[in-house]
Amino acid sequence: MRKLLYTAAFIVALFIASPLVASPININQANAQQLADNLKGVGLKKAQAIVQYRDKIGGFQNQNQLLNVKGIGAATLEKNEGNILLE
């Protein structure tokens, strides 16, 4: 019985924590909602700005170009280090 309770608690904890863990995201392919869901410190408004800038420049060549997007600073970039893909 105790093992069953521990297992159930573990499963519940995974479901609660899963939205808090960002997945790596390709910033050249993701839509605004996907960016907002997967980048720490990026809401929908900033994500829309990322998509607009990406469309303007024809795609990101490196993640540091995100610094050119209004509202994206070094702290946001640092929080997402390792979560940003450029494929």
Protein backbone atom coordinates (compact mmCIF):
# COMPACT_ATOMS: atom_id res chain seq x y z
CA MET A 1 0.00 0.00 0.00
CA ARG A 2 2.81 2.39 0.89
CA LYS A 3 4.56 1.72 -2.41
CA LEU A 4 1.33 2.47 -4.28
CA LEU A 5 0.98 5.80 -2.46
CA TYR A 6 4.57 6.77 -3.26
CA THR A 7 4.06 5.86 -6.91
CA ALA A 8 0.84 7.87 -7.10
CA ALA A 9 2.49 10.87 -5.46
CA PHE A 10 5.39 10.66 -7.91
CA ILE A 11 3.05 10.59 -10.91
CA VAL A 12 1.08 13.57 -9.60
CA ALA A 13 4.33 15.48 -9.03
CA LEU A 14 5.40 14.82 -12.62
CA PHE A 15 2.14 16.20 -13.99
CA ILE A 16 2.40 19.29 -11.81
CA ALA A 17 6.03 19.96 -12.67
CA SER A 18 5.87 19.24 -16.41
CA PRO A 19 4.53 22.69 -17.43
CA LEU A 20 7.35 24.29 -15.45
CA VAL A 21 10.06 22.54 -17.45
CA ALA A 22 10.75 24.20 -20.78
CA SER A 23 11.53 22.04 -23.78
CA PRO A 24 14.15 22.98 -26.34
CA ILE A 25 12.50 25.03 -29.07
CA ASN A 26 13.52 25.90 -32.60
CA ILE A 27 13.13 29.67 -32.75
CA ASN A 28 13.15 29.61 -36.56
CA GLN A 29 10.14 27.30 -36.82
CA ALA A 30 8.00 27.75 -33.72
CA ASN A 31 4.90 29.91 -33.70
CA ALA A 32 4.33 32.59 -31.07
CA GLN A 33 2.32 30.35 -28.73
CA GLN A 34 5.00 27.64 -28.83
CA LEU A 35 7.68 30.20 -28.06
CA ALA A 36 5.68 31.60 -25.15
CA ASP A 37 5.09 28.10 -23.78
CA ASN A 38 8.71 27.01 -24.00
CA LEU A 39 10.89 30.06 -23.35
CA LYS A 40 11.31 31.21 -19.77
CA GLY A 41 10.39 34.84 -19.23
CA VAL A 42 8.70 35.13 -22.64
CA GLY A 43 4.99 35.75 -22.78
CA LEU A 44 2.78 35.85 -25.83
CA LYS A 45 3.50 39.51 -26.61
CA LYS A 46 7.29 39.00 -26.60
CA ALA A 47 6.87 35.77 -28.55
CA GLN A 48 4.91 37.63 -31.22
CA ALA A 49 7.72 40.19 -31.40
CA ILE A 50 10.22 37.34 -31.89
CA VAL A 51 8.16 35.94 -34.78
CA GLN A 52 7.83 39.38 -36.39
CA TYR A 53 11.57 40.02 -36.11
CA ARG A 54 12.34 36.53 -37.43
CA ASP A 55 10.12 37.16 -40.46
CA LYS A 56 11.78 40.54 -41.02
CA ILE A 57 15.34 39.16 -41.01
CA GLY A 58 14.58 35.86 -42.72
CA GLY A 59 15.44 33.70 -39.72
CA PHE A 60 17.90 33.73 -36.86
CA GLN A 61 21.50 32.82 -37.60
CA ASN A 62 22.43 32.74 -33.91
CA GLN A 63 20.61 33.08 -30.63
CA ASN A 64 22.27 36.41 -29.80
CA GLN A 65 20.11 38.00 -32.51
CA LEU A 66 17.23 37.65 -30.05
CA LEU A 67 18.76 40.62 -28.24
CA ASN A 68 17.57 42.77 -31.15
CA VAL A 69 13.95 41.96 -30.28
CA LYS A 70 12.30 44.56 -28.07
CA GLY A 71 11.80 43.12 -24.59
CA ILE A 72 14.41 40.40 -24.91
CA GLY A 73 17.51 41.13 -22.87
CA ALA A 74 20.60 39.30 -21.76
CA ALA A 75 18.84 37.91 -18.67
CA THR A 76 16.10 36.31 -20.79
CA LEU A 77 18.67 34.89 -23.16
CA GLU A 78 20.67 33.50 -20.25
CA LYS A 79 17.58 31.88 -18.68
CA ASN A 80 16.98 30.03 -21.92
CA GLU A 81 20.52 28.97 -22.66
CA GLY A 82 20.36 25.38 -23.84
CA ASN A 83 16.64 25.61 -24.69
CA ILE A 84 17.08 27.48 -27.97
CA LEU A 85 17.57 25.55 -31.19
CA LEU A 86 18.50 26.98 -34.60
CA GLU A 87 17.76 24.35 -37.23
